């Protein structure tokens, strides 16, 4: 999720609820030709492969964690950056 889109846990719970409601809606059921097993597979995928990684994609959980804006690097690069 992009920064500033979901500010707290309540907003995320509402977004998650709306996503599940949409997947269970008639529009999605019509899109899959009334095959309920496909909708159930989508829900199972979301619950098993997306929601379990909330800590990685929820900005409001990470916004106060200091990380030096480094995605990867070696100990040497960190030492040079921090002047150690």
PDB file of N, CA and C in Angstrom:
ATOM      1  N   UNK A   1       0.843  -1.177   0.000  1.00  0.00           N
ATOM      2  CA  UNK A   1       0.000   0.000   0.000  1.00  0.00           C
ATOM      3  C   UNK A   1       0.889   1.242   0.000  1.00  0.00           C
ATOM      4  N   UNK A   2       0.443   2.250  -0.659  1.00  0.00           N
ATOM      5  CA  UNK A   2       1.226   3.471  -0.765  1.00  0.00           C
ATOM      6  C   UNK A   2       1.166   4.257   0.538  1.00  0.00           C
ATOM      7  N   UNK A   3       2.250   4.961   0.852  1.00  0.00           N
ATOM      8  CA  UNK A   3       2.237   5.811   2.050  1.00  0.00           C
ATOM      9  C   UNK A   3       1.088   6.812   2.011  1.00  0.00           C
ATOM     10  N   UNK A   4       0.533   7.061   3.167  1.00  0.00           N
ATOM     11  CA  UNK A   4      -0.555   8.022   3.378  1.00  0.00           C
ATOM     12  C   UNK A   4      -1.914   7.521   2.893  1.00  0.00           C
ATOM     13  N   UNK A   5      -2.015   6.325   2.320  1.00  0.00           N
ATOM     14  CA  UNK A   5      -3.312   5.821   1.880  1.00  0.00           C
ATOM     15  C   UNK A   5      -4.075   5.202   3.050  1.00  0.00           C
ATOM     16  N   UNK A   6      -3.412   4.425   3.863  1.00  0.00           N
ATOM     17  CA  UNK A   6      -4.025   3.824   5.044  1.00  0.00           C
ATOM     18  C   UNK A   6      -3.209   4.282   6.242  1.00  0.00           C
ATOM     19  N   UNK A   7      -3.823   5.090   7.091  1.00  0.00           N
ATOM     20  CA  UNK A   7      -3.114   5.706   8.196  1.00  0.00           C
ATOM     21  C   UNK A   7      -3.098   4.883   9.479  1.00  0.00           C
ATOM     22  N   UNK A   8      -4.090   4.015   9.674  1.00  0.00           N
ATOM     23  CA  UNK A   8      -4.136   3.264  10.928  1.00  0.00           C
ATOM     24  C   UNK A   8      -4.838   1.925  10.737  1.00  0.00           C
ATOM     25  N   UNK A   9      -4.904   1.175  11.828  1.00  0.00           N
ATOM     26  CA  UNK A   9      -5.459  -0.173  11.797  1.00  0.00           C
ATOM     27  C   UNK A   9      -6.937  -0.187  11.430  1.00  0.00           C
ATOM     28  N   UNK A  10      -7.690   0.795  11.889  1.00  0.00           N
ATOM     29  CA  UNK A  10      -9.125   0.839  11.584  1.00  0.00           C
ATOM     30  C   UNK A  10      -9.374   1.001  10.088  1.00  0.00           C
ATOM     31  N   UNK A  11      -8.635   1.887   9.444  1.00  0.00           N
ATOM     32  CA  UNK A  11      -8.787   2.070   8.001  1.00  0.00           C
ATOM     33  C   UNK A  11      -8.420   0.800   7.244  1.00  0.00           C
ATOM     34  N   UNK A  12      -7.379   0.108   7.705  1.00  0.00           N
ATOM     35  CA  UNK A  12      -6.989  -1.126   7.036  1.00  0.00           C
ATOM     36  C   UNK A  12      -8.058  -2.200   7.207  1.00  0.00           C
ATOM     37  N   UNK A  13      -8.628  -2.312   8.398  1.00  0.00           N
ATOM     38  CA  UNK A  13      -9.685  -3.306   8.612  1.00  0.00           C
ATOM     39  C   UNK A  13     -10.889  -3.032   7.719  1.00  0.00           C
ATOM     40  N   UNK A  14     -11.235  -1.764   7.549  1.00  0.00           N
ATOM     41  CA  UNK A  14     -12.346  -1.413   6.659  1.00  0.00           C
ATOM     42  C   UNK A  14     -12.004  -1.772   5.217  1.00  0.00           C
ATOM     43  N   UNK A  15     -10.780  -1.468   4.781  1.00  0.00           N
ATOM     44  CA  UNK A  15     -10.350  -1.803   3.418  1.00  0.00           C
ATOM     45  C   UNK A  15     -10.361  -3.302   3.184  1.00  0.00           C
ATOM     46  N   UNK A  16      -9.894  -4.041   4.170  1.00  0.00           N
ATOM     47  CA  UNK A  16      -9.864  -5.501   4.057  1.00  0.00           C
ATOM     48  C   UNK A  16     -11.291  -6.060   3.973  1.00  0.00           C
ATOM     49  N   UNK A  17     -12.185  -5.537   4.807  1.00  0.00           N
ATOM     50  CA  UNK A  17     -13.585  -5.953   4.795  1.00  0.00           C
ATOM     51  C   UNK A  17     -14.220  -5.665   3.436  1.00  0.00           C
ATOM     52  N   UNK A  18     -13.968  -4.464   2.893  1.00  0.00           N
ATOM     53  CA  UNK A  18     -14.539  -4.115   1.594  1.00  0.00           C
ATOM     54  C   UNK A  18     -13.996  -4.988   0.475  1.00  0.00           C
ATOM     55  N   UNK A  19     -12.720  -5.356   0.544  1.00  0.00           N
ATOM     56  CA  UNK A  19     -12.151  -6.262  -0.456  1.00  0.00           C
ATOM     57  C   UNK A  19     -12.843  -7.621  -0.416  1.00  0.00           C
ATOM     58  N   UNK A  20     -13.026  -8.161   0.771  1.00  0.00           N
ATOM     59  CA  UNK A  20     -13.681  -9.466   0.898  1.00  0.00           C
ATOM     60  C   UNK A  20     -15.129  -9.380   0.427  1.00  0.00           C
ATOM     61  N   UNK A  21     -15.809  -8.291   0.778  1.00  0.00           N
ATOM     62  CA  UNK A  21     -17.187  -8.117   0.324  1.00  0.00           C
ATOM     63  C   UNK A  21     -17.264  -8.024  -1.196  1.00  0.00           C
ATOM     64  N   UNK A  22     -16.304  -7.353  -1.814  1.00  0.00           N
ATOM     65  CA  UNK A  22     -16.299  -7.254  -3.272  1.00  0.00           C
ATOM     66  C   UNK A  22     -16.066  -8.618  -3.914  1.00  0.00           C
ATOM     67  N   UNK A  23     -15.122  -9.371  -3.379  1.00  0.00           N
ATOM     68  CA  UNK A  23     -14.842 -10.693  -3.948  1.00  0.00           C
ATOM     69  C   UNK A  23     -16.072 -11.592  -3.826  1.00  0.00           C
ATOM     70  N   UNK A  24     -16.853 -11.404  -2.779  1.00  0.00           N
ATOM     71  CA  UNK A  24     -18.069 -12.212  -2.571  1.00  0.00           C
ATOM     72  C   UNK A  24     -19.292 -11.615  -3.252  1.00  0.00           C
ATOM     73  N   UNK A  25     -19.143 -10.536  -3.980  1.00  0.00           N
ATOM     74  CA  UNK A  25     -20.289  -9.841  -4.575  1.00  0.00           C
ATOM     75  C   UNK A  25     -20.791 -10.533  -5.839  1.00  0.00           C
ATOM     76  N   UNK A  26     -21.950 -10.091  -6.255  1.00  0.00           N
ATOM     77  CA  UNK A  26     -22.553 -10.618  -7.475  1.00  0.00           C
ATOM     78  C   UNK A  26     -21.762 -10.271  -8.721  1.00  0.00           C
ATOM     79  N   UNK A  27     -21.098  -9.124  -8.722  1.00  0.00           N
ATOM     80  CA  UNK A  27     -20.303  -8.725  -9.889  1.00  0.00           C
ATOM     81  C   UNK A  27     -19.171  -9.711 -10.156  1.00  0.00           C
ATOM     82  N   UNK A  28     -18.494 -10.126  -9.098  1.00  0.00           N
ATOM     83  CA  UNK A  28     -17.404 -11.101  -9.269  1.00  0.00           C
ATOM     84  C   UNK A  28     -17.973 -12.463  -9.639  1.00  0.00           C
ATOM     85  N   UNK A  29     -19.081 -12.838  -9.024  1.00  0.00           N
ATOM     86  CA  UNK A  29     -19.710 -14.124  -9.343  1.00  0.00           C
ATOM     87  C   UNK A  29     -20.160 -14.162 -10.798  1.00  0.00           C
ATOM     88  N   UNK A  30     -20.680 -13.051 -11.309  1.00  0.00           N
ATOM     89  CA  UNK A  30     -21.044 -12.984 -12.729  1.00  0.00           C
ATOM     90  C   UNK A  30     -19.812 -13.048 -13.618  1.00  0.00           C
ATOM     91  N   UNK A  31     -18.715 -12.435 -13.180  1.00  0.00           N
ATOM     92  CA  UNK A  31     -17.486 -12.431 -13.976  1.00  0.00           C
ATOM     93  C   UNK A  31     -16.892 -13.828 -14.118  1.00  0.00           C
ATOM     94  N   UNK A  32     -17.133 -14.688 -13.132  1.00  0.00           N
ATOM     95  CA  UNK A  32     -16.607 -16.062 -13.199  1.00  0.00           C
ATOM     96  C   UNK A  32     -17.686 -17.053 -13.605  1.00  0.00           C
ATOM     97  N   UNK A  33     -18.740 -16.561 -14.247  1.00  0.00           N
ATOM     98  CA  UNK A  33     -19.831 -17.395 -14.778  1.00  0.00           C
ATOM     99  C   UNK A  33     -20.494 -18.247 -13.702  1.00  0.00           C
ATOM    100  N   UNK A  34     -20.733 -17.646 -12.550  1.00  0.00           N
ATOM    101  CA  UNK A  34     -21.444 -18.294 -11.426  1.00  0.00           C
ATOM    102  C   UNK A  34     -20.758 -19.555 -10.910  1.00  0.00           C
ATOM    103  N   UNK A  35     -19.451 -19.603 -11.039  1.00  0.00           N
ATOM    104  CA  UNK A  35     -18.688 -20.751 -10.524  1.00  0.00           C
ATOM    105  C   UNK A  35     -18.165 -20.377  -9.135  1.00  0.00           C
ATOM    106  N   UNK A  36     -18.877 -20.832  -8.117  1.00  0.00           N
ATOM    107  CA  UNK A  36     -18.580 -20.464  -6.742  1.00  0.00           C
ATOM    108  C   UNK A  36     -17.204 -20.950  -6.294  1.00  0.00           C
ATOM    109  N   UNK A  37     -16.747 -22.071  -6.839  1.00  0.00           N
ATOM    110  CA  UNK A  37     -15.443 -22.586  -6.421  1.00  0.00           C
ATOM    111  C   UNK A  37     -14.303 -21.637  -6.798  1.00  0.00           C
ATOM    112  N   UNK A  38     -14.484 -20.859  -7.859  1.00  0.00           N
ATOM    113  CA  UNK A  38     -13.458 -19.891  -8.235  1.00  0.00           C
ATOM    114  C   UNK A  38     -13.412 -18.755  -7.218  1.00  0.00           C
ATOM    115  N   UNK A  39     -14.578 -18.277  -6.792  1.00  0.00           N
ATOM    116  CA  UNK A  39     -14.633 -17.222  -5.781  1.00  0.00           C
ATOM    117  C   UNK A  39     -14.004 -17.723  -4.482  1.00  0.00           C
ATOM    118  N   UNK A  40     -14.300 -18.945  -4.107  1.00  0.00           N
ATOM    119  CA  UNK A  40     -13.710 -19.514  -2.895  1.00  0.00           C
ATOM    120  C   UNK A  40     -12.202 -19.663  -3.027  1.00  0.00           C
ATOM    121  N   UNK A  41     -11.730 -19.982  -4.220  1.00  0.00           N
ATOM    122  CA  UNK A  41     -10.285 -20.077  -4.459  1.00  0.00           C
ATOM    123  C   UNK A  41      -9.618 -18.705  -4.345  1.00  0.00           C
ATOM    124  N   UNK A  42     -10.286 -17.673  -4.838  1.00  0.00           N
ATOM    125  CA  UNK A  42      -9.757 -16.311  -4.719  1.00  0.00           C
ATOM    126  C   UNK A  42      -9.647 -15.921  -3.251  1.00  0.00           C
ATOM    127  N   UNK A  43     -10.703 -16.190  -2.487  1.00  0.00           N
ATOM    128  CA  UNK A  43     -10.684 -15.881  -1.049  1.00  0.00           C
ATOM    129  C   UNK A  43      -9.589 -16.652  -0.328  1.00  0.00           C
ATOM    130  N   UNK A  44      -9.439 -17.917  -0.667  1.00  0.00           N
ATOM    131  CA  UNK A  44      -8.404 -18.740  -0.045  1.00  0.00           C
ATOM    132  C   UNK A  44      -7.021 -18.192  -0.384  1.00  0.00           C
ATOM    133  N   UNK A  45      -6.817 -17.759  -1.626  1.00  0.00           N
ATOM    134  CA  UNK A  45      -5.533 -17.193  -2.019  1.00  0.00           C
ATOM    135  C   UNK A  45      -5.249 -15.905  -1.247  1.00  0.00           C
ATOM    136  N   UNK A  46      -6.236 -15.020  -1.178  1.00  0.00           N
ATOM    137  CA  UNK A  46      -6.044 -13.745  -0.471  1.00  0.00           C
ATOM    138  C   UNK A  46      -5.696 -13.988   0.987  1.00  0.00           C
ATOM    139  N   UNK A  47      -6.423 -14.891   1.620  1.00  0.00           N
ATOM    140  CA  UNK A  47      -6.186 -15.159   3.041  1.00  0.00           C
ATOM    141  C   UNK A  47      -4.867 -15.896   3.278  1.00  0.00           C
ATOM    142  N   UNK A  48      -4.486 -16.767   2.357  1.00  0.00           N
ATOM    143  CA  UNK A  48      -3.291 -17.578   2.560  1.00  0.00           C
ATOM    144  C   UNK A  48      -1.996 -16.993   2.033  1.00  0.00           C
ATOM    145  N   UNK A  49      -2.105 -16.048   1.074  1.00  0.00           N
ATOM    146  CA  UNK A  49      -0.883 -15.531   0.436  1.00  0.00           C
ATOM    147  C   UNK A  49      -0.746 -14.016   0.467  1.00  0.00           C
ATOM    148  N   UNK A  50      -1.784 -13.288   0.844  1.00  0.00           N
ATOM    149  CA  UNK A  50      -1.698 -11.834   0.893  1.00  0.00           C
ATOM    150  C   UNK A  50      -1.765 -11.338   2.336  1.00  0.00           C
ATOM    151  N   UNK A  51      -2.829 -11.695   3.035  1.00  0.00           N
ATOM    152  CA  UNK A  51      -3.019 -11.197   4.398  1.00  0.00           C
ATOM    153  C   UNK A  51      -1.932 -11.659   5.364  1.00  0.00           C
ATOM    154  N   UNK A  52      -1.275 -12.755   5.083  1.00  0.00           N
ATOM    155  CA  UNK A  52      -0.222 -13.237   5.986  1.00  0.00           C
ATOM    156  C   UNK A  52       1.043 -12.378   5.915  1.00  0.00           C
ATOM    157  N   UNK A  53       1.144 -11.526   4.905  1.00  0.00           N
ATOM    158  CA  UNK A  53       2.318 -10.670   4.735  1.00  0.00           C
ATOM    159  C   UNK A  53       2.005  -9.205   5.028  1.00  0.00           C
ATOM    160  N   UNK A  54       1.038  -8.943   5.887  1.00  0.00           N
ATOM    161  CA  UNK A  54       0.627  -7.577   6.185  1.00  0.00           C
ATOM    162  C   UNK A  54       1.784  -6.721   6.690  1.00  0.00           C
ATOM    163  N   UNK A  55       2.668  -7.301   7.450  1.00  0.00           N
ATOM    164  CA  UNK A  55       3.790  -6.545   7.986  1.00  0.00           C
ATOM    165  C   UNK A  55       4.722  -6.007   6.918  1.00  0.00           C
ATOM    166  N   UNK A  56       4.702  -6.600   5.731  1.00  0.00           N
ATOM    167  CA  UNK A  56       5.587  -6.156   4.651  1.00  0.00           C
ATOM    168  C   UNK A  56       4.977  -5.050   3.800  1.00  0.00           C
ATOM    169  N   UNK A  57       3.660  -5.027   3.664  1.00  0.00           N
ATOM    170  CA  UNK A  57       3.070  -4.047   2.761  1.00  0.00           C
ATOM    171  C   UNK A  57       2.255  -2.949   3.446  1.00  0.00           C
ATOM    172  N   UNK A  58       2.063  -3.012   4.737  1.00  0.00           N
ATOM    173  CA  UNK A  58       1.312  -1.967   5.428  1.00  0.00           C
ATOM    174  C   UNK A  58       2.252  -0.864   5.891  1.00  0.00           C
ATOM    175  N   UNK A  59       2.140   0.276   5.252  1.00  0.00           N
ATOM    176  CA  UNK A  59       3.044   1.386   5.545  1.00  0.00           C
ATOM    177  C   UNK A  59       2.891   1.878   6.977  1.00  0.00           C
ATOM    178  N   UNK A  60       1.669   1.921   7.494  1.00  0.00           N
ATOM    179  CA  UNK A  60       1.485   2.476   8.832  1.00  0.00           C
ATOM    180  C   UNK A  60       2.167   1.630   9.905  1.00  0.00           C
ATOM    181  N   UNK A  61       2.464   0.371   9.618  1.00  0.00           N
ATOM    182  CA  UNK A  61       3.196  -0.469  10.566  1.00  0.00           C
ATOM    183  C   UNK A  61       4.695  -0.202  10.521  1.00  0.00           C
ATOM    184  N   UNK A  62       5.192   0.300   9.375  1.00  0.00           N
ATOM    185  CA  UNK A  62       6.621   0.490   9.189  1.00  0.00           C
ATOM    186  C   UNK A  62       7.066   1.938   9.208  1.00  0.00           C
ATOM    187  N   UNK A  63       6.152   2.899   9.241  1.00  0.00           N
ATOM    188  CA  UNK A  63       6.543   4.288   9.019  1.00  0.00           C
ATOM    189  C   UNK A  63       7.438   4.866  10.104  1.00  0.00           C
ATOM    190  N   UNK A  64       7.464   4.292  11.294  1.00  0.00           N
ATOM    191  CA  UNK A  64       8.315   4.817  12.354  1.00  0.00           C
ATOM    192  C   UNK A  64       9.571   3.981  12.582  1.00  0.00           C
ATOM    193  N   UNK A  65       9.811   3.004  11.715  1.00  0.00           N
ATOM    194  CA  UNK A  65      10.994   2.157  11.825  1.00  0.00           C
ATOM    195  C   UNK A  65      12.134   2.811  11.053  1.00  0.00           C
ATOM    196  N   UNK A  66      13.270   2.999  11.719  1.00  0.00           N
ATOM    197  CA  UNK A  66      14.431   3.601  11.052  1.00  0.00           C
ATOM    198  C   UNK A  66      15.149   2.534  10.240  1.00  0.00           C
ATOM    199  N   UNK A  67      15.424   2.826   8.976  1.00  0.00           N
ATOM    200  CA  UNK A  67      16.063   1.830   8.117  1.00  0.00           C
ATOM    201  C   UNK A  67      17.128   2.408   7.213  1.00  0.00           C
ATOM    202  N   UNK A  68      17.487   3.662   7.355  1.00  0.00           N
ATOM    203  CA  UNK A  68      18.560   4.312   6.600  1.00  0.00           C
ATOM    204  C   UNK A  68      18.330   4.305   5.094  1.00  0.00           C
ATOM    205  N   UNK A  69      17.117   4.018   4.645  1.00  0.00           N
ATOM    206  CA  UNK A  69      16.762   3.983   3.236  1.00  0.00           C
ATOM    207  C   UNK A  69      17.665   3.026   2.440  1.00  0.00           C
ATOM    208  N   UNK A  70      18.070   1.936   3.049  1.00  0.00           N
ATOM    209  CA  UNK A  70      18.918   0.945   2.409  1.00  0.00           C
ATOM    210  C   UNK A  70      18.117  -0.333   2.248  1.00  0.00           C
ATOM    211  N   UNK A  71      17.977  -0.803   1.013  1.00  0.00           N
ATOM    212  CA  UNK A  71      17.248  -2.033   0.768  1.00  0.00           C
ATOM    213  C   UNK A  71      18.148  -3.247   0.981  1.00  0.00           C
ATOM    214  N   UNK A  72      19.393  -3.115   0.575  1.00  0.00           N
ATOM    215  CA  UNK A  72      20.344  -4.204   0.756  1.00  0.00           C
ATOM    216  C   UNK A  72      21.748  -3.613   0.725  1.00  0.00           C
ATOM    217  N   UNK A  73      22.673  -4.346   1.231  1.00  0.00           N
ATOM    218  CA  UNK A  73      24.040  -3.854   1.226  1.00  0.00           C
ATOM    219  C   UNK A  73      24.915  -4.720   2.111  1.00  0.00           C
ATOM    220  N   UNK A  74      26.187  -4.414   2.095  1.00  0.00           N
ATOM    221  CA  UNK A  74      27.124  -5.181   2.898  1.00  0.00           C
ATOM    222  C   UNK A  74      27.462  -4.401   4.164  1.00  0.00           C
ATOM    223  N   UNK A  75      28.121  -5.056   5.097  1.00  0.00           N
ATOM    224  CA  UNK A  75      28.534  -4.404   6.337  1.00  0.00           C
ATOM    225  C   UNK A  75      29.481  -3.251   6.046  1.00  0.00           C
ATOM    226  N   UNK A  76      30.340  -3.425   5.033  1.00  0.00           N
ATOM    227  CA  UNK A  76      31.282  -2.370   4.665  1.00  0.00           C
ATOM    228  C   UNK A  76      30.551  -1.100   4.222  1.00  0.00           C
ATOM    229  N   UNK A  77      29.508  -1.252   3.407  1.00  0.00           N
ATOM    230  CA  UNK A  77      28.766  -0.098   2.932  1.00  0.00           C
ATOM    231  C   UNK A  77      28.099   0.639   4.095  1.00  0.00           C
ATOM    232  N   UNK A  78      27.576  -0.097   5.052  1.00  0.00           N
ATOM    233  CA  UNK A  78      26.938   0.519   6.214  1.00  0.00           C
ATOM    234  C   UNK A  78      27.984   1.237   7.055  1.00  0.00           C
ATOM    235  N   UNK A  79      29.155   0.634   7.227  1.00  0.00           N
ATOM    236  CA  UNK A  79      30.222   1.256   8.015  1.00  0.00           C
ATOM    237  C   UNK A  79      30.679   2.569   7.369  1.00  0.00           C
ATOM    238  N   UNK A  80      30.801   2.585   6.057  1.00  0.00           N
ATOM    239  CA  UNK A  80      31.209   3.797   5.365  1.00  0.00           C
ATOM    240  C   UNK A  80      30.130   4.850   5.493  1.00  0.00           C
ATOM    241  N   UNK A  81      28.880   4.462   5.381  1.00  0.00           N
ATOM    242  CA  UNK A  81      27.768   5.403   5.473  1.00  0.00           C
ATOM    243  C   UNK A  81      27.685   6.036   6.855  1.00  0.00           C
ATOM    244  N   UNK A  82      27.932   5.247   7.905  1.00  0.00           N
ATOM    245  CA  UNK A  82      27.830   5.745   9.266  1.00  0.00           C
ATOM    246  C   UNK A  82      29.164   6.297   9.791  1.00  0.00           C
ATOM    247  N   UNK A  83      30.212   6.272   8.961  1.00  0.00           N
ATOM    248  CA  UNK A  83      31.544   6.737   9.349  1.00  0.00           C
ATOM    249  C   UNK A  83      32.068   5.984  10.572  1.00  0.00           C
ATOM    250  N   UNK A  84      31.932   4.677  10.549  1.00  0.00           N
ATOM    251  CA  UNK A  84      32.417   3.843  11.664  1.00  0.00           C
ATOM    252  C   UNK A  84      33.827   3.379  11.365  1.00  0.00           C
TER     253      UNK A  84
END
